[in-house]
N, C-alpha and C. Protein backbone atom coordinates (compact mmCIF):
# COMPACT_ATOMS: atom_id res chain seq x y z
N MET A 1 -78.16 114.31 -102.15
CA MET A 1 -78.89 114.39 -101.54
C MET A 1 -78.38 115.06 -100.24
N ASN A 2 -78.17 116.28 -99.66
CA ASN A 2 -77.43 116.57 -97.67
C ASN A 2 -78.12 116.69 -97.06
N ILE A 3 -78.11 116.25 -95.88
CA ILE A 3 -78.56 116.65 -94.97
C ILE A 3 -78.21 117.23 -93.54
N THR A 4 -78.76 118.14 -92.91
CA THR A 4 -78.44 118.51 -91.62
C THR A 4 -78.39 117.82 -90.71
N PRO A 5 -77.25 117.64 -89.18
CA PRO A 5 -77.47 117.10 -88.32
C PRO A 5 -78.79 117.45 -87.96
N VAL A 6 -79.53 118.07 -87.89
CA VAL A 6 -81.04 117.88 -87.43
C VAL A 6 -82.19 117.24 -88.13
N MET A 7 -81.44 117.15 -89.12
CA MET A 7 -82.28 115.97 -90.32
C MET A 7 -81.69 114.86 -89.94
N GLU A 8 -81.01 114.61 -90.00
CA GLU A 8 -80.01 113.27 -89.50
C GLU A 8 -80.89 112.82 -88.25
N LYS A 9 -80.83 113.41 -87.17
CA LYS A 9 -80.80 113.17 -86.08
C LYS A 9 -82.87 112.45 -86.20
N PHE A 10 -83.43 113.77 -86.74
CA PHE A 10 -85.20 113.24 -87.04
C PHE A 10 -85.15 111.73 -87.43
N ILE A 11 -84.34 111.83 -88.78
CA ILE A 11 -84.76 110.86 -89.41
C ILE A 11 -84.31 109.38 -88.66
N LEU A 12 -83.08 109.47 -88.04
CA LEU A 12 -82.43 107.91 -86.84
C LEU A 12 -83.86 108.09 -85.54
N HIS A 13 -84.00 108.63 -85.39
CA HIS A 13 -85.76 108.95 -84.24
C HIS A 13 -86.46 107.75 -84.91
N TRP A 14 -86.60 108.25 -86.19
CA TRP A 14 -88.47 108.34 -86.63
C TRP A 14 -87.76 106.79 -86.85
N GLY A 15 -86.41 106.24 -86.95
CA GLY A 15 -86.29 104.84 -87.78
C GLY A 15 -86.26 104.18 -86.66
N GLU A 16 -85.87 104.44 -85.61
CA GLU A 16 -85.96 103.94 -84.03
C GLU A 16 -87.55 103.63 -83.83
N MET A 17 -87.91 105.05 -83.55
CA MET A 17 -89.54 104.68 -83.14
C MET A 17 -90.40 103.78 -84.24
N GLY A 18 -89.93 103.96 -85.37
CA GLY A 18 -90.71 102.62 -86.40
C GLY A 18 -90.49 101.26 -85.71
N THR A 19 -89.44 100.79 -85.76
CA THR A 19 -89.53 99.79 -85.37
C THR A 19 -90.03 99.60 -83.44
N ARG A 20 -90.18 100.29 -82.81
CA ARG A 20 -91.42 100.34 -81.60
C ARG A 20 -92.85 100.45 -82.25
N TRP A 21 -93.13 100.61 -83.39
CA TRP A 21 -94.08 100.95 -83.68
C TRP A 21 -94.78 99.54 -84.68
N GLY A 22 -93.05 98.96 -84.56
CA GLY A 22 -93.55 97.66 -85.55
C GLY A 22 -93.34 97.85 -87.00
N VAL A 23 -92.62 98.43 -87.52
CA VAL A 23 -92.02 98.68 -88.56
C VAL A 23 -90.86 98.79 -89.02
N ASN A 24 -90.15 98.04 -90.08
CA ASN A 24 -89.09 98.08 -90.41
C ASN A 24 -88.22 99.59 -90.32
N ARG A 25 -87.20 99.72 -89.72
CA ARG A 25 -86.47 100.83 -89.32
C ARG A 25 -86.02 101.52 -90.85
N THR A 26 -85.56 100.73 -91.66
CA THR A 26 -85.53 101.85 -93.46
C THR A 26 -86.85 101.96 -93.68
N VAL A 27 -87.34 101.39 -93.59
CA VAL A 27 -89.09 102.14 -94.23
C VAL A 27 -89.45 103.61 -93.29
N ALA A 28 -88.91 103.08 -91.82
CA ALA A 28 -89.38 104.38 -91.15
C ALA A 28 -88.61 105.34 -91.57
N GLN A 29 -87.13 106.02 -91.78
CA GLN A 29 -86.00 106.35 -92.04
C GLN A 29 -86.45 106.70 -93.65
N ILE A 30 -87.02 106.20 -94.84
CA ILE A 30 -87.39 106.40 -96.31
C ILE A 30 -88.29 107.20 -96.07
N HIS A 31 -89.04 107.37 -95.09
CA HIS A 31 -90.35 107.73 -95.03
C HIS A 31 -90.12 109.15 -94.09
N ALA A 32 -88.92 108.78 -92.88
CA ALA A 32 -88.63 110.32 -93.03
C ALA A 32 -87.77 111.66 -93.40
N LEU A 33 -87.27 110.81 -94.16
CA LEU A 33 -86.17 111.16 -95.30
C LEU A 33 -87.14 112.30 -96.31
N LEU A 34 -88.31 111.46 -96.54
CA LEU A 34 -89.19 112.23 -98.14
C LEU A 34 -90.03 113.38 -97.26
N TYR A 35 -90.36 112.60 -95.37
CA TYR A 35 -91.31 113.78 -95.13
C TYR A 35 -90.60 115.32 -94.99
N LEU A 36 -88.86 115.03 -94.41
CA LEU A 36 -88.47 116.48 -95.03
C LEU A 36 -87.64 117.30 -96.17
N ALA A 37 -87.46 115.88 -97.04
CA ALA A 37 -87.56 116.87 -98.29
C ALA A 37 -87.60 117.52 -99.08
N THR A 38 -87.46 118.77 -99.56
CA THR A 38 -88.31 119.67 -100.06
C THR A 38 -88.79 119.61 -101.56
N LYS A 39 -88.17 118.29 -101.85
CA LYS A 39 -88.24 118.13 -103.58
C LYS A 39 -88.73 116.69 -103.28
N PRO A 40 -88.85 116.24 -104.36
CA PRO A 40 -89.16 115.00 -104.79
C PRO A 40 -87.72 114.35 -104.89
N VAL A 41 -87.29 113.20 -104.28
CA VAL A 41 -86.05 112.08 -104.60
C VAL A 41 -85.94 110.81 -105.01
N ASN A 42 -85.07 110.96 -105.88
CA ASN A 42 -85.19 108.93 -106.35
C ASN A 42 -84.26 108.44 -105.65
N ALA A 43 -84.82 107.16 -105.66
CA ALA A 43 -84.07 105.60 -105.04
C ALA A 43 -82.83 105.96 -104.58
N GLU A 44 -82.20 106.08 -105.99
CA GLU A 44 -80.46 106.45 -105.83
C GLU A 44 -80.22 106.78 -104.66
N ASP A 45 -80.65 108.38 -104.83
CA ASP A 45 -80.36 108.95 -103.96
C ASP A 45 -81.30 109.30 -102.79
N ILE A 46 -81.79 108.41 -102.16
CA ILE A 46 -82.27 107.60 -100.93
C ILE A 46 -81.20 106.58 -100.40
N ALA A 47 -80.68 105.82 -101.65
CA ALA A 47 -79.64 104.94 -100.94
C ALA A 47 -78.85 105.58 -100.97
N GLU A 48 -78.21 106.02 -101.24
CA GLU A 48 -77.06 106.81 -101.23
C GLU A 48 -76.96 107.80 -99.82
N THR A 49 -78.00 108.79 -99.47
CA THR A 49 -77.86 109.23 -98.76
C THR A 49 -78.16 109.05 -96.95
N LEU A 50 -78.74 107.62 -97.24
CA LEU A 50 -79.20 106.99 -95.86
C LEU A 50 -78.43 105.54 -95.78
N ASN A 51 -77.18 105.48 -97.02
CA ASN A 51 -75.96 104.75 -96.59
C ASN A 51 -77.23 102.95 -96.86
N VAL A 52 -78.04 102.84 -97.69
CA VAL A 52 -78.66 101.10 -97.37
C VAL A 52 -78.38 100.97 -99.29
N ALA A 53 -79.22 99.52 -99.26
CA ALA A 53 -78.86 99.16 -100.41
C ALA A 53 -80.45 99.44 -101.25
N ARG A 54 -79.83 99.56 -102.72
CA ARG A 54 -80.64 99.93 -103.75
C ARG A 54 -82.22 99.13 -103.83
N SER A 55 -81.67 97.80 -103.41
CA SER A 55 -82.71 96.41 -103.36
C SER A 55 -84.08 96.59 -102.19
N ASN A 56 -83.40 97.39 -100.99
CA ASN A 56 -83.90 97.77 -99.76
C ASN A 56 -84.69 98.89 -99.53
N VAL A 57 -84.20 99.94 -100.85
CA VAL A 57 -85.17 100.99 -100.64
C VAL A 57 -86.49 100.74 -101.68
N SER A 58 -86.17 99.90 -102.36
CA SER A 58 -87.28 99.56 -103.49
C SER A 58 -88.46 98.76 -102.95
N ASN A 59 -87.78 98.40 -101.95
CA ASN A 59 -88.94 97.67 -101.35
C ASN A 59 -90.05 98.23 -99.83
N SER A 60 -88.69 99.31 -99.22
CA SER A 60 -89.03 100.21 -98.38
C SER A 60 -90.09 100.92 -98.96
N LEU A 61 -90.24 101.36 -100.49
CA LEU A 61 -90.47 102.32 -101.18
C LEU A 61 -92.31 101.29 -101.40
N LYS A 62 -91.92 100.90 -102.01
CA LYS A 62 -93.55 99.57 -102.38
C LYS A 62 -94.15 99.80 -101.03
N GLU A 63 -93.92 99.15 -99.45
CA GLU A 63 -94.53 99.24 -98.77
C GLU A 63 -94.80 101.22 -98.45
N LEU A 64 -93.87 101.99 -98.43
CA LEU A 64 -94.63 103.73 -98.21
C LEU A 64 -96.14 103.52 -99.04
N GLN A 65 -95.69 103.43 -100.22
CA GLN A 65 -96.98 103.50 -101.35
C GLN A 65 -97.80 102.43 -100.60
N GLY A 66 -97.83 101.36 -100.52
CA GLY A 66 -99.11 100.09 -100.27
C GLY A 66 -99.83 101.31 -98.96
N TRP A 67 -98.93 101.72 -98.24
CA TRP A 67 -99.76 102.44 -97.17
C TRP A 67 -100.27 103.86 -97.15
N GLY A 68 -100.06 104.51 -98.25
CA GLY A 68 -100.72 105.73 -98.93
C GLY A 68 -99.62 106.63 -98.95
N LEU A 69 -98.33 106.18 -97.93
CA LEU A 69 -98.05 107.64 -97.36
C LEU A 69 -96.94 108.10 -98.48
N VAL A 70 -96.61 107.22 -99.66
CA VAL A 70 -95.47 108.17 -100.64
C VAL A 70 -96.03 107.69 -101.82
N LYS A 71 -96.28 108.62 -102.57
CA LYS A 71 -96.48 108.67 -103.81
C LYS A 71 -95.72 108.92 -105.34
N VAL A 72 -95.50 108.07 -106.05
CA VAL A 72 -94.27 108.82 -107.28
C VAL A 72 -94.27 109.62 -107.73
N VAL A 73 -93.41 110.76 -108.17
CA VAL A 73 -93.96 112.03 -108.73
C VAL A 73 -93.12 111.78 -110.00
N HIS A 74 -92.82 112.53 -110.95
CA HIS A 74 -91.81 112.45 -112.59
C HIS A 74 -91.43 114.30 -112.10
N VAL A 75 -89.66 113.88 -112.40
CA VAL A 75 -89.57 115.38 -112.90
C VAL A 75 -88.92 115.49 -114.25
N MET A 76 -89.57 116.60 -115.20
CA MET A 76 -89.06 116.46 -116.07
C MET A 76 -87.73 116.33 -116.25
N GLY A 77 -87.25 115.39 -117.37
CA GLY A 77 -85.74 116.13 -118.28
C GLY A 77 -85.31 114.61 -117.01
N ASP A 78 -86.10 114.03 -116.18
CA ASP A 78 -85.74 112.84 -115.42
C ASP A 78 -86.81 111.61 -115.99
N ARG A 79 -86.34 110.27 -116.25
CA ARG A 79 -86.83 109.31 -117.04
C ARG A 79 -87.05 108.17 -115.58
N ARG A 80 -86.39 108.56 -113.97
CA ARG A 80 -86.08 108.22 -113.25
C ARG A 80 -87.69 108.18 -112.47
N ASP A 81 -88.38 107.24 -111.61
CA ASP A 81 -89.31 107.83 -110.81
C ASP A 81 -88.98 108.45 -109.20
N HIS A 82 -89.21 108.77 -108.98
CA HIS A 82 -89.26 109.98 -107.89
C HIS A 82 -89.95 109.82 -106.85
N PHE A 83 -90.01 110.25 -105.65
CA PHE A 83 -90.61 110.31 -104.80
C PHE A 83 -90.46 111.26 -103.49
N GLU A 84 -91.78 110.95 -103.13
CA GLU A 84 -92.71 112.21 -102.23
C GLU A 84 -93.01 111.55 -101.33
N SER A 85 -93.05 112.20 -99.46
CA SER A 85 -94.12 111.85 -98.72
C SER A 85 -95.63 112.89 -98.35
N LEU A 86 -96.93 112.51 -98.15
CA LEU A 86 -97.25 113.34 -97.17
C LEU A 86 -96.66 114.72 -96.87
N LYS A 87 -97.32 115.60 -96.85
CA LYS A 87 -96.34 116.66 -96.24
C LYS A 87 -97.24 116.83 -94.80
N ASP A 88 -98.05 116.59 -94.54
CA ASP A 88 -98.71 117.40 -93.57
C ASP A 88 -99.55 116.61 -92.21
N VAL A 89 -98.62 116.80 -91.21
CA VAL A 89 -98.76 116.15 -90.41
C VAL A 89 -100.02 114.88 -89.99
N TRP A 90 -101.24 115.77 -90.09
CA TRP A 90 -102.60 115.84 -89.92
C TRP A 90 -102.95 114.67 -90.80
N ASP A 91 -102.33 114.71 -91.97
CA ASP A 91 -102.69 113.96 -92.91
C ASP A 91 -102.42 112.28 -93.23
N ILE A 92 -100.77 112.43 -92.43
CA ILE A 92 -100.05 111.12 -92.42
C ILE A 92 -100.36 110.48 -90.68
N PHE A 93 -101.16 110.99 -89.84
CA PHE A 93 -101.33 109.96 -89.20
C PHE A 93 -103.30 109.65 -88.89
N MET A 94 -103.60 110.62 -90.05
CA MET A 94 -105.25 109.86 -90.54
C MET A 94 -104.30 108.51 -91.34
N VAL A 95 -103.85 108.69 -92.15
CA VAL A 95 -103.58 107.84 -93.07
C VAL A 95 -102.91 106.71 -92.11
N ILE A 96 -101.80 106.45 -91.22
CA ILE A 96 -101.64 105.82 -90.58
C ILE A 96 -102.59 105.16 -89.98
N PHE A 97 -103.00 105.57 -89.40
CA PHE A 97 -103.85 105.26 -88.35
C PHE A 97 -105.45 104.43 -88.58
N GLU A 98 -105.53 104.88 -90.22
CA GLU A 98 -107.10 104.87 -90.77
C GLU A 98 -106.42 102.17 -91.83
N GLU A 99 -105.09 102.71 -91.91
CA GLU A 99 -104.07 102.10 -92.40
C GLU A 99 -104.35 100.41 -90.94
N ARG A 100 -103.47 101.09 -89.82
CA ARG A 100 -103.51 100.20 -88.85
C ARG A 100 -105.16 99.64 -88.10
N LYS A 101 -106.16 100.46 -88.19
CA LYS A 101 -107.38 100.28 -88.23
C LYS A 101 -107.71 98.96 -89.43
N LYS A 102 -107.63 99.22 -90.71
CA LYS A 102 -108.14 98.18 -91.46
C LYS A 102 -106.88 96.98 -91.26
N ARG A 103 -105.65 96.92 -91.23
CA ARG A 103 -105.26 95.80 -90.63
C ARG A 103 -104.75 95.16 -89.48
N GLU A 104 -105.73 95.86 -88.48
CA GLU A 104 -104.78 95.16 -86.93
C GLU A 104 -106.78 95.25 -86.34
N LEU A 105 -107.61 96.42 -86.25
CA LEU A 105 -108.52 96.64 -85.82
C LEU A 105 -109.70 95.96 -86.48
N ASP A 106 -110.22 95.63 -87.73
CA ASP A 106 -110.84 94.71 -88.83
C ASP A 106 -111.31 93.31 -88.12
N PRO A 107 -109.73 92.94 -88.43
CA PRO A 107 -109.80 91.62 -88.18
C PRO A 107 -110.10 91.29 -86.98
N THR A 108 -109.37 91.82 -86.00
CA THR A 108 -109.85 91.66 -84.37
C THR A 108 -111.33 91.91 -83.99
N LEU A 109 -112.07 92.71 -84.84
CA LEU A 109 -113.61 92.87 -84.41
C LEU A 109 -113.87 91.44 -85.16
N THR A 110 -113.68 91.34 -86.43
CA THR A 110 -114.21 89.72 -87.17
C THR A 110 -113.84 89.36 -86.29
N MET A 111 -112.87 88.60 -85.88
CA MET A 111 -112.02 87.39 -84.86
C MET A 111 -113.69 87.13 -83.96
N LEU A 112 -113.76 88.52 -82.93
CA LEU A 112 -114.55 89.05 -81.89
C LEU A 112 -115.94 88.19 -82.10
N ARG A 113 -116.36 89.10 -83.03
CA ARG A 113 -117.34 88.72 -83.60
C ARG A 113 -117.77 87.26 -83.54
N GLU A 114 -116.83 86.75 -84.26
CA GLU A 114 -117.45 84.88 -84.71
C GLU A 114 -116.97 84.15 -82.95
N CYS A 115 -116.33 85.21 -82.11
CA CYS A 115 -115.67 84.00 -80.95
C CYS A 115 -117.29 84.08 -79.99
N GLU A 116 -117.91 85.87 -80.30
CA GLU A 116 -119.03 86.20 -79.79
C GLU A 116 -120.96 84.90 -79.99
N ILE A 117 -120.47 84.52 -80.92
CA ILE A 117 -121.37 83.62 -82.01
C ILE A 117 -121.31 82.47 -81.36
N ASP A 118 -119.78 82.06 -81.51
CA ASP A 118 -119.51 80.87 -81.44
C ASP A 118 -119.76 80.56 -80.05
N ALA A 119 -119.78 81.59 -78.98
CA ALA A 119 -119.83 81.09 -77.39
C ALA A 119 -120.97 80.64 -76.96
N GLU A 120 -122.25 81.42 -77.85
CA GLU A 120 -123.59 81.43 -77.60
C GLU A 120 -123.95 79.57 -77.22
N SER A 121 -123.26 79.10 -78.40
CA SER A 121 -123.57 77.31 -77.94
C SER A 121 -122.36 76.65 -77.77
N ASP A 122 -121.52 77.14 -76.89
CA ASP A 122 -120.35 76.55 -76.39
C ASP A 122 -120.81 76.44 -74.94
N THR A 123 -120.63 74.83 -74.58
CA THR A 123 -120.84 74.94 -73.14
C THR A 123 -119.19 74.89 -72.62
N GLU A 124 -118.22 74.68 -73.02
CA GLU A 124 -116.80 74.43 -72.57
C GLU A 124 -116.75 75.62 -71.94
N THR A 125 -116.51 76.45 -72.49
CA THR A 125 -115.90 78.04 -72.32
C THR A 125 -116.62 78.60 -71.06
N PRO A 126 -115.58 78.70 -70.26
CA PRO A 126 -116.41 79.56 -68.62
C PRO A 126 -117.01 81.04 -69.31
N LYS A 127 -117.63 81.05 -68.31
CA LYS A 127 -119.02 82.33 -68.35
C LYS A 127 -117.63 84.15 -67.83
N GLU A 128 -117.08 83.40 -67.18
CA GLU A 128 -115.96 84.60 -67.18
C GLU A 128 -115.96 84.95 -68.36
N ILE A 129 -114.66 83.87 -69.36
CA ILE A 129 -113.93 83.82 -69.81
C ILE A 129 -114.69 84.27 -71.00
N LYS A 130 -116.03 84.20 -71.22
CA LYS A 130 -117.18 84.48 -72.52
C LYS A 130 -117.15 86.11 -72.01
N THR A 131 -117.46 86.57 -71.11
CA THR A 131 -117.90 87.89 -70.64
C THR A 131 -116.64 88.75 -70.72
N ARG A 132 -114.91 87.97 -70.93
CA ARG A 132 -114.02 88.76 -71.31
C ARG A 132 -114.36 88.93 -72.91
N ILE A 133 -114.13 88.11 -73.41
CA ILE A 133 -113.96 88.12 -75.46
C ILE A 133 -115.12 89.58 -75.16
N SER A 134 -116.43 89.30 -74.35
CA SER A 134 -117.54 90.08 -75.19
C SER A 134 -116.81 91.72 -74.63
N ASN A 135 -116.17 91.89 -73.43
CA ASN A 135 -115.90 93.13 -73.20
C ASN A 135 -114.87 93.85 -73.92
N THR A 136 -113.75 92.94 -74.28
CA THR A 136 -112.83 93.31 -75.33
C THR A 136 -113.57 93.44 -76.84
N LEU A 137 -114.90 92.79 -76.92
CA LEU A 137 -115.39 93.26 -78.61
C LEU A 137 -115.76 94.83 -77.73
N GLU A 138 -116.66 94.82 -77.37
CA GLU A 138 -117.33 96.19 -76.64
C GLU A 138 -116.08 97.30 -76.53
N PHE A 139 -114.90 97.03 -75.97
CA PHE A 139 -114.14 98.11 -76.14
C PHE A 139 -113.60 98.33 -77.42
N ILE A 140 -113.46 97.74 -78.30
CA ILE A 140 -112.82 97.47 -79.90
C ILE A 140 -114.05 98.83 -80.64
N GLN A 141 -115.31 97.83 -80.31
CA GLN A 141 -116.11 98.99 -80.89
C GLN A 141 -116.30 99.61 -80.53
N LEU A 142 -115.92 100.01 -79.67
CA LEU A 142 -116.56 101.97 -78.56
C LEU A 142 -114.43 102.71 -79.46
N THR A 143 -113.84 101.94 -78.92
CA THR A 143 -112.94 103.14 -79.68
C THR A 143 -112.78 103.10 -81.09
N THR A 144 -113.11 102.41 -81.90
CA THR A 144 -113.20 102.19 -83.71
C THR A 144 -114.29 103.05 -84.20
N GLY A 145 -115.85 103.41 -83.31
CA GLY A 145 -116.49 104.25 -83.06
C GLY A 145 -116.33 105.26 -82.93
N TRP A 146 -115.41 105.35 -82.00
CA TRP A 146 -115.28 107.37 -81.84
C TRP A 146 -114.31 107.41 -82.77
N TYR A 147 -113.04 106.84 -83.11
CA TYR A 147 -112.40 107.61 -84.00
C TYR A 147 -112.96 107.23 -85.73
N ASP A 148 -114.08 106.83 -86.29
CA ASP A 148 -115.03 106.98 -87.11
C ASP A 148 -115.70 108.79 -87.00
N GLN A 149 -116.37 108.97 -85.76
CA GLN A 149 -116.76 110.07 -85.83
C GLN A 149 -115.42 110.91 -85.75
N MET A 150 -114.60 111.31 -85.15
CA MET A 150 -113.39 111.94 -85.08
C MET A 150 -113.03 111.97 -86.58
N LYS A 151 -113.14 111.58 -87.70
CA LYS A 151 -111.90 111.35 -88.90
C LYS A 151 -113.28 111.98 -89.51
N LYS A 152 -114.50 111.97 -89.20
CA LYS A 152 -115.42 113.34 -90.11
C LYS A 152 -115.69 114.70 -89.79
N LEU A 153 -115.20 114.45 -88.48
CA LEU A 153 -115.39 116.23 -88.24
C LEU A 153 -113.82 117.03 -89.04
N PRO A 154 -114.19 118.19 -89.38
CA PRO A 154 -113.44 119.24 -90.28
C PRO A 154 -112.01 119.11 -89.40
N ARG A 155 -110.66 119.69 -89.89
CA ARG A 155 -110.11 119.31 -89.25
C ARG A 155 -109.67 120.58 -87.66
N PRO A 156 -110.28 121.82 -88.02
CA PRO A 156 -110.63 122.81 -87.01
C PRO A 156 -110.98 122.32 -85.66
N THR A 157 -112.02 121.87 -86.19
CA THR A 157 -113.08 121.31 -84.95
C THR A 157 -112.02 119.90 -83.94
N LEU A 158 -111.20 118.98 -85.26
CA LEU A 158 -110.66 118.62 -83.79
C LEU A 158 -109.32 118.95 -83.53
N ILE A 159 -109.14 120.09 -83.87
CA ILE A 159 -107.68 120.67 -83.40
C ILE A 159 -108.29 121.13 -81.84
N LYS A 160 -109.27 121.82 -81.95
CA LYS A 160 -109.92 122.49 -80.84
C LYS A 160 -110.22 121.53 -79.98
N LEU A 161 -110.77 120.18 -80.76
CA LEU A 161 -111.35 119.05 -79.52
C LEU A 161 -109.96 118.20 -78.40
N MET A 162 -108.85 118.54 -79.33
CA MET A 162 -107.93 117.90 -79.09
C MET A 162 -107.30 118.86 -77.41
N LYS A 163 -107.27 120.25 -78.44
CA LYS A 163 -107.19 120.90 -77.71
C LYS A 163 -108.07 121.31 -76.05
N PHE A 164 -108.96 121.06 -76.22
CA PHE A 164 -109.97 121.56 -75.00
C PHE A 164 -109.20 120.10 -74.05
N GLY A 165 -109.41 119.45 -74.57
CA GLY A 165 -108.36 118.15 -72.94
C GLY A 165 -109.46 117.86 -72.51
N ALA A 166 -108.53 117.56 -71.05
CA ALA A 166 -109.29 117.69 -70.12
C ALA A 166 -110.41 118.82 -69.46
N LYS A 167 -110.46 119.94 -70.43
CA LYS A 167 -112.12 120.30 -69.81
C LYS A 167 -113.01 119.80 -70.72
N VAL A 168 -112.69 119.09 -71.47
CA VAL A 168 -114.40 117.97 -71.45
C VAL A 168 -114.94 117.68 -70.42
N GLN A 169 -114.19 117.06 -69.41
CA GLN A 169 -114.24 116.18 -68.53
C GLN A 169 -115.11 117.07 -67.43
N ASN A 170 -114.38 118.33 -67.51
CA ASN A 170 -115.25 119.34 -66.15
C ASN A 170 -116.68 119.61 -66.93
N LEU A 171 -117.00 119.58 -68.03
CA LEU A 171 -118.21 119.52 -68.69
C LEU A 171 -118.90 118.82 -69.11
N LEU A 172 -118.40 117.40 -69.12
CA LEU A 172 -119.34 116.37 -68.74
C LEU A 172 -119.66 116.26 -67.36
N THR A 173 -119.43 116.45 -66.32
CA THR A 173 -119.20 115.93 -64.80
C THR A 173 -119.50 117.28 -63.85
N ARG A 174 -120.06 118.64 -64.61
CA ARG A 174 -120.17 119.86 -63.98
C ARG A 174 -121.60 119.79 -63.48
N LYS A 175 -121.85 119.80 -62.47
CA LYS A 175 -122.76 119.75 -61.58
C LYS A 175 -124.15 121.05 -62.36
N HIS A 176 -125.21 120.87 -61.64
CA HIS A 176 -125.95 122.24 -62.46
C HIS A 176 -127.09 122.62 -61.55
């Protein structure tokens, strides 16, 4: 697979950003490559294009499939598996956010709820600490509740809302 200098820049940056988001660099680079690819790509071509070990590609593809970002595609006349990424950036964002919510926020909510219940009968933990835990729980519940509402909106409505930005504040604080 031939990649242009612009594609290489995108792939390398996506890999760098992946590490900042807690994602393995190769996983992020493979995702970027498949996102930019105009047709499904087999694992051997991915390994050759990115100059990474075939075993690394295999493990990375499994991780991307686990996230729901990449799927296997079969190509007529080729017995090898080929892979393609979601192409719509909004779909990618929603999948990533949903997976992060499942993997990170939902377990945190469970733990915070347990802490709050445990704190009711706990006489050792200072009230100030219990309040911080309750405030954290309330914040994450508010955030995840907002996300649950936003993901149900039709995409055009969500886009309008996002473009509206700070103008929402003017509507909410406007004096009548």
